[in-house]
Amino acid sequence: MPLSSYQHPFLFAALILGLSLPCEAAQITGLETPNSFIGDASGKEYFISNVNGEPEARDNNGFITKLNTEGKIINLKFIQGGVSEVSLHAPKGMALVGAMLYVADLDQLKGFDKTTGKLLITVSFSPPSRSQVSLTDVAASQTGLLYVSDQSANSIYRVNPSDHYRVDLLIHDERLAGPAGLAVHPTTDHLIAVSWDKGKILEVTPDGQLTELEANGFFTSRFQNLSGVDFDQWGNMYVSDLTKGKIWRMTRDHRFQVIAEYLLAPADIGIDRTNNLILVPYYYVHAAEMNGLETPSSAKSKGEKRTLADYGFIPPPPKLTPEGPKK
């Protein structure tokens, strides 16, 4: 995705804040432009995709990092481009279906054994027009279908693994405005896509009908470059804005709350529903973080502004005391 629009001076300021993270949050360092962070259904294994260079370069140096249940790296380069006849250029979005780890890599969707890292399937894509294919994310439906976003072509594809991985164009529409992150709604099984170009949240039905759930208005610019989207176990939606450094939560009654801000380029986030964790890759800082989510019963009131301290990103601010006469 076109990440060059992010301002590096702001990144440096944010990095200073991020270095004082509390010990209860699991921080993962030593990564290389991490893009996507997901966990398996059991909550015992996690995977991070590393672009390791330019997001569209065919340099065959991308890799997938594997972590254990505590967020500690088991194998930094569990799957690595250029090793064991694996071709992996710029891995971005991922999805886990059973023992299969699917990875979007430029113009191919690749499936690896999540235990051995062996490449099992490669699916190549052709653009719906003359534009270049730029696969950005992949999501799995409850019926076994896969959805893959093509950011540069404003398209989303449907892949049917039970039919020899047949690829169909689900939708090609300029209103997608650079579809980046994908997630399947846990109740409706509709596809949710977030827009990188215009900061939209969109819903796509299984037959390709498009609806805008949320978009920036004429006088408002809540979102800028949305990168990731996922749902928690209660059906709340989470979206990450890489450029603005924010993570938003949209509750089931469509109320928006900023749950964390001043973040370091949060890319394609994931939610571990089993352990109630949010998984955040920090694209430009070459790091990632696992942190706990609060349950709906302990949510803050609508009028109370949320801070990073709610999720352990920074220590809580000191309480203010009334000024009195100096002694």
Foldseek 3Di string as FASTA:
>chain_A
DPPPVADVVLLVVLVVQQVAFDPVWDKFFPFALWFAKEDDQVLFKIKIKHQRDDQQDQPQFIAMWMAGSSRHTPGGRLDGGPPPPDRAHGWHAWDDDPQWIWTDGFQWIWIARNVRRHTDDIDGHDAPDPDGFGWAYWEAFPVGKIWIDGQGQQWIWIFHVVVVRDIDTQDGDCVLQRWHAWYQQPPQRWIWTAHQQFGWIWTAGSNGDIDTPDGADPPGRPAHGWAEWYAAPQRWIWIAHQNQAWIWIQDPVRQIATQEGSHQRWHHWYANNVQQWIKTDRRPNSMIIIWHDDDPVPDDDSPDHHYNCVTRSGPDDDDDDDDDDDD
